[in-house]
N, C-alpha and C. Protein backbone atom coordinates (compact mmCIF):
# COMPACT_ATOMS: atom_id res chain seq x y z
N MET A 1 -13.14 4.27 -10.22
CA MET A 1 -13.01 3.77 -8.65
C MET A 1 -12.38 2.22 -8.70
N VAL A 2 -11.38 2.28 -8.18
CA VAL A 2 -10.94 0.57 -8.15
C VAL A 2 -11.48 -0.08 -7.44
N GLN A 3 -11.20 -1.55 -7.77
CA GLN A 3 -12.15 -2.56 -7.05
C GLN A 3 -11.66 -2.99 -6.11
N PRO A 4 -13.01 -3.38 -5.01
CA PRO A 4 -12.47 -3.49 -3.71
C PRO A 4 -11.58 -4.69 -3.69
N ASN A 5 -11.57 -5.69 -4.21
CA ASN A 5 -10.80 -6.96 -4.29
C ASN A 5 -9.06 -6.37 -4.82
N LEU A 6 -9.10 -5.57 -5.63
CA LEU A 6 -7.55 -4.85 -6.05
C LEU A 6 -7.28 -4.27 -4.83
N THR A 7 -8.06 -3.34 -4.10
CA THR A 7 -7.68 -2.54 -2.66
C THR A 7 -7.03 -2.92 -1.80
N SER A 8 -7.75 -4.42 -1.90
CA SER A 8 -7.29 -5.38 -0.40
C SER A 8 -5.86 -5.80 -0.82
N ARG A 9 -5.71 -6.44 -2.30
CA ARG A 9 -4.64 -6.81 -2.53
C ARG A 9 -3.26 -6.05 -2.25
N PHE A 10 -3.95 -5.03 -2.95
CA PHE A 10 -2.79 -3.94 -2.61
C PHE A 10 -1.88 -3.46 -1.57
N TRP A 11 -3.01 -3.30 -0.36
CA TRP A 11 -2.60 -3.29 0.89
C TRP A 11 -2.01 -4.39 1.65
N SER A 12 -2.26 -5.47 0.93
CA SER A 12 -1.73 -6.91 1.83
C SER A 12 -0.05 -6.74 1.08
N VAL A 13 0.06 -6.40 -0.03
CA VAL A 13 1.39 -6.04 -0.42
C VAL A 13 2.14 -5.33 0.40
N VAL A 14 1.81 -3.80 0.46
CA VAL A 14 2.18 -2.97 1.38
C VAL A 14 2.72 -3.80 2.73
N GLU A 15 1.28 -4.34 3.81
CA GLU A 15 1.95 -4.92 4.83
C GLU A 15 2.76 -5.90 4.78
N ASP A 16 2.73 -6.77 3.74
CA ASP A 16 4.26 -7.61 3.47
C ASP A 16 5.49 -7.28 3.25
N CYS A 17 5.54 -5.94 2.57
CA CYS A 17 6.76 -5.42 2.26
C CYS A 17 6.99 -4.97 3.74
N LEU A 18 6.21 -4.34 4.61
CA LEU A 18 6.63 -3.56 6.00
C LEU A 18 7.16 -4.61 6.99
N VAL A 19 6.75 -6.01 6.63
CA VAL A 19 6.88 -7.25 7.49
C VAL A 19 8.51 -7.79 6.88
N ASP A 20 8.26 -8.20 5.56
CA ASP A 20 9.51 -8.92 4.93
C ASP A 20 10.66 -7.96 4.64
N PHE A 21 10.43 -6.85 4.55
CA PHE A 21 11.87 -5.54 4.25
C PHE A 21 12.02 -4.90 5.17
N HIS A 22 11.06 -4.37 6.05
CA HIS A 22 11.11 -3.28 7.00
C HIS A 22 10.95 -4.09 8.15
N HIS A 23 11.01 -5.49 8.51
CA HIS A 23 11.54 -6.31 9.63
C HIS A 23 10.30 -5.68 11.01
N LEU A 24 8.95 -5.08 10.67
CA LEU A 24 8.08 -4.68 11.24
C LEU A 24 7.53 -6.36 11.78
N GLU A 25 6.62 -6.20 13.08
CA GLU A 25 5.84 -7.15 13.54
C GLU A 25 4.59 -7.13 12.50
N ARG A 26 3.89 -8.43 12.38
CA ARG A 26 2.50 -8.08 11.29
C ARG A 26 1.77 -7.06 11.99
N LYS A 27 1.52 -7.08 13.25
CA LYS A 27 0.49 -6.54 14.04
C LYS A 27 0.65 -4.78 14.10
N LEU A 28 2.15 -4.47 14.10
CA LEU A 28 2.42 -3.16 13.67
C LEU A 28 2.01 -2.86 12.04
N ALA A 29 2.60 -3.64 11.44
CA ALA A 29 2.52 -3.67 10.07
C ALA A 29 1.18 -3.28 9.46
N ALA A 30 0.12 -4.17 10.02
CA ALA A 30 -1.24 -4.22 9.75
C ALA A 30 -2.06 -2.73 10.56
N GLU A 31 -1.60 -2.57 11.57
CA GLU A 31 -1.93 -1.11 12.14
C GLU A 31 -1.40 0.19 11.17
N LYS A 32 -0.47 0.22 10.74
CA LYS A 32 0.61 1.13 10.03
C LYS A 32 -0.58 1.37 8.68
N VAL A 33 -0.63 0.15 8.09
CA VAL A 33 -1.72 0.19 6.69
C VAL A 33 -3.11 0.57 6.99
N THR A 34 -3.95 0.31 7.96
CA THR A 34 -5.27 0.20 8.29
C THR A 34 -5.36 1.82 8.83
N THR A 35 -4.11 2.39 9.26
CA THR A 35 -4.54 3.84 9.78
C THR A 35 -3.96 4.68 8.63
N LEU A 36 -3.06 4.10 7.75
CA LEU A 36 -3.05 5.24 6.17
C LEU A 36 -4.47 5.13 5.49
N TRP A 37 -4.84 3.95 5.59
CA TRP A 37 -5.94 3.95 4.35
C TRP A 37 -7.31 4.50 4.97
N THR A 38 -7.38 4.12 6.07
CA THR A 38 -8.55 4.90 6.90
C THR A 38 -8.57 6.47 6.42
N LYS A 39 -7.25 7.14 6.70
CA LYS A 39 -6.80 8.57 6.27
C LYS A 39 -7.28 9.08 4.77
N LEU A 40 -7.26 8.18 3.66
CA LEU A 40 -7.57 8.58 2.51
C LEU A 40 -8.86 9.58 2.73
N PRO A 41 -8.66 10.23 1.59
CA PRO A 41 -10.00 11.31 1.04
C PRO A 41 -10.94 10.68 0.90
N GLY A 42 -11.81 11.10 1.59
CA GLY A 42 -13.53 10.02 1.07
C GLY A 42 -14.85 11.54 1.48
N ALA A 43 -14.43 12.17 1.73
CA ALA A 43 -15.59 13.12 1.83
C ALA A 43 -15.60 13.90 0.60
N PRO A 44 -16.91 14.23 0.24
CA PRO A 44 -17.39 14.91 -1.05
C PRO A 44 -16.48 16.38 -0.96
N GLU A 45 -16.32 16.31 -2.72
CA GLU A 45 -15.90 17.90 -3.09
C GLU A 45 -16.78 18.73 -2.62
N PRO A 46 -16.51 20.03 -2.41
CA PRO A 46 -17.94 20.98 -2.35
C PRO A 46 -18.95 21.10 -3.40
N ASN A 47 -18.25 20.79 -4.75
CA ASN A 47 -19.18 20.65 -5.83
C ASN A 47 -20.33 19.54 -5.78
N GLY A 48 -20.16 18.33 -4.73
CA GLY A 48 -21.02 17.21 -4.42
C GLY A 48 -20.21 16.11 -5.11
N GLN A 49 -19.48 16.28 -5.71
CA GLN A 49 -18.47 15.15 -6.59
C GLN A 49 -17.54 14.11 -5.68
N GLN A 50 -17.47 12.97 -6.00
CA GLN A 50 -16.50 12.54 -5.00
C GLN A 50 -15.06 12.96 -5.74
N PRO A 51 -14.06 13.03 -4.27
CA PRO A 51 -12.95 13.66 -4.75
C PRO A 51 -11.92 12.55 -5.80
N SER A 52 -10.92 12.76 -6.92
CA SER A 52 -10.45 12.21 -7.50
C SER A 52 -8.94 11.59 -6.84
N LEU A 53 -8.88 11.97 -5.77
CA LEU A 53 -7.53 11.69 -4.95
C LEU A 53 -7.69 10.56 -4.63
N ASP A 54 -9.30 9.91 -4.08
CA ASP A 54 -8.96 8.41 -3.47
C ASP A 54 -8.29 7.40 -3.93
N ASP A 55 -8.64 7.33 -5.05
CA ASP A 55 -7.77 6.30 -5.88
C ASP A 55 -6.51 6.42 -6.51
N ILE A 56 -6.01 7.92 -6.37
CA ILE A 56 -4.51 8.26 -6.66
C ILE A 56 -3.55 7.25 -5.91
N ILE A 57 -3.83 6.79 -5.01
CA ILE A 57 -2.49 6.15 -3.91
C ILE A 57 -2.50 4.90 -4.88
N TYR A 58 -3.32 4.00 -5.65
CA TYR A 58 -3.09 3.04 -6.07
C TYR A 58 -2.46 2.85 -7.19
N HIS A 59 -2.09 3.96 -7.87
CA HIS A 59 -0.98 4.04 -9.01
C HIS A 59 0.10 4.20 -8.49
N ALA A 60 0.56 4.25 -7.03
CA ALA A 60 2.01 4.43 -6.74
C ALA A 60 2.19 2.73 -6.55
N GLU A 61 3.59 2.79 -6.48
CA GLU A 61 4.02 1.18 -6.38
C GLU A 61 4.03 1.03 -4.59
N PRO A 62 3.16 -0.28 -4.88
CA PRO A 62 2.98 -0.65 -3.23
C PRO A 62 4.86 -0.30 -2.24
N TRP A 63 5.44 -0.81 -3.06
CA TRP A 63 6.69 -1.02 -2.49
C TRP A 63 7.12 0.57 -1.43
N TYR A 64 7.10 1.70 -2.43
CA TYR A 64 7.19 3.12 -1.97
C TYR A 64 5.92 3.45 -0.45
N ILE A 65 5.13 2.84 -0.61
CA ILE A 65 3.91 3.19 0.58
C ILE A 65 4.71 2.67 1.62
N ALA A 66 5.09 1.42 1.31
CA ALA A 66 5.57 0.50 2.71
C ALA A 66 6.90 1.47 3.38
N CYS A 67 7.79 1.84 2.12
CA CYS A 67 8.85 2.65 2.63
C CYS A 67 8.51 4.11 3.69
N ASN A 68 7.85 4.29 2.88
CA ASN A 68 7.20 5.73 3.54
C ASN A 68 6.47 5.55 4.91
N LEU A 69 5.91 4.62 5.04
CA LEU A 69 5.34 3.84 6.42
C LEU A 69 6.12 3.52 7.24
N ALA A 70 7.43 2.93 6.98
CA ALA A 70 8.37 2.48 7.96
C ALA A 70 9.56 3.56 8.05
N GLY A 71 9.45 4.43 7.29
CA GLY A 71 10.10 6.03 7.38
C GLY A 71 11.87 5.56 7.11
N HIS A 72 11.84 4.54 6.10
CA HIS A 72 12.94 4.38 5.76
C HIS A 72 13.09 3.80 4.20
N GLU A 73 13.76 4.91 3.32
CA GLU A 73 13.61 4.26 1.79
C GLU A 73 14.69 3.35 1.68
N LEU A 74 14.04 1.95 1.16
CA LEU A 74 15.05 0.64 0.49
C LEU A 74 14.91 1.00 -0.95
N ARG A 75 16.25 0.23 -1.69
CA ARG A 75 16.09 0.67 -3.28
C ARG A 75 15.27 -0.72 -3.51
N ILE A 76 14.42 -0.58 -4.31
CA ILE A 76 13.71 -1.70 -4.94
C ILE A 76 14.53 -2.72 -5.58
N SER A 77 15.10 -2.21 -6.56
CA SER A 77 16.45 -2.77 -7.33
C SER A 77 17.36 -3.91 -6.47
N ASP A 78 17.46 -3.62 -4.81
CA ASP A 78 18.27 -4.46 -4.26
C ASP A 78 17.17 -5.55 -4.17
N ASN A 79 16.01 -5.55 -3.97
CA ASN A 79 15.27 -6.55 -3.29
C ASN A 79 14.06 -7.07 -4.26
N GLU A 80 14.23 -6.84 -5.42
CA GLU A 80 13.73 -7.16 -6.79
C GLU A 80 12.82 -8.36 -6.72
N SER A 81 13.77 -9.42 -6.51
CA SER A 81 13.33 -11.04 -6.63
C SER A 81 12.20 -11.14 -5.63
N GLY A 82 12.35 -11.00 -4.15
CA GLY A 82 11.70 -10.96 -3.11
C GLY A 82 10.19 -10.17 -3.33
N TYR A 83 10.18 -8.73 -3.70
CA TYR A 83 9.22 -7.76 -3.93
C TYR A 83 8.31 -8.59 -5.30
N ARG A 84 8.89 -8.81 -5.94
CA ARG A 84 7.84 -9.74 -6.90
C ARG A 84 7.47 -10.99 -6.60
N GLU A 85 7.99 -11.68 -5.50
CA GLU A 85 7.66 -12.71 -5.06
C GLU A 85 6.04 -12.20 -4.30
N ILE A 86 6.29 -11.35 -3.69
CA ILE A 86 5.14 -10.86 -2.62
C ILE A 86 4.15 -10.54 -3.90
N LEU A 87 4.22 -9.62 -4.83
CA LEU A 87 3.49 -9.21 -5.81
C LEU A 87 2.32 -10.48 -6.33
N ARG A 88 3.33 -11.17 -6.77
CA ARG A 88 2.66 -12.78 -7.21
C ARG A 88 1.78 -13.05 -6.11
N LYS A 89 2.23 -13.49 -4.81
CA LYS A 89 1.32 -14.20 -3.86
C LYS A 89 0.14 -13.18 -3.68
N ASN A 90 0.30 -12.01 -3.91
CA ASN A 90 -0.94 -11.28 -3.82
C ASN A 90 -1.84 -11.06 -4.96
N GLN A 91 -1.45 -11.95 -5.82
CA GLN A 91 -1.78 -11.61 -7.70
C GLN A 91 -2.11 -10.11 -8.23
N LEU A 92 -0.85 -9.69 -7.77
CA LEU A 92 -0.85 -8.38 -8.59
C LEU A 92 0.48 -8.45 -9.50
N ALA A 93 0.82 -9.53 -9.78
CA ALA A 93 1.79 -9.62 -10.90
C ALA A 93 1.30 -10.23 -11.92
């Protein structure tokens, strides 16, 4: 399981990417992020074990999660320095 402080940082990076690179208003970006993470798997598997998919999203690059939420794919290489700054700001770099 991913530590709660890391998950909040992860989602903060996604939100910042939506604002900085996809030009969404902060409130809309926060709503999109909240809607997604509340839909993540959390129900027990039929055998009673917790699903293994609930942490799998945290292995993805927050950049790509933001692109999916925005519905617009941007090249990370074109925005590398700004993205790295967001990662540093949220203590994920």
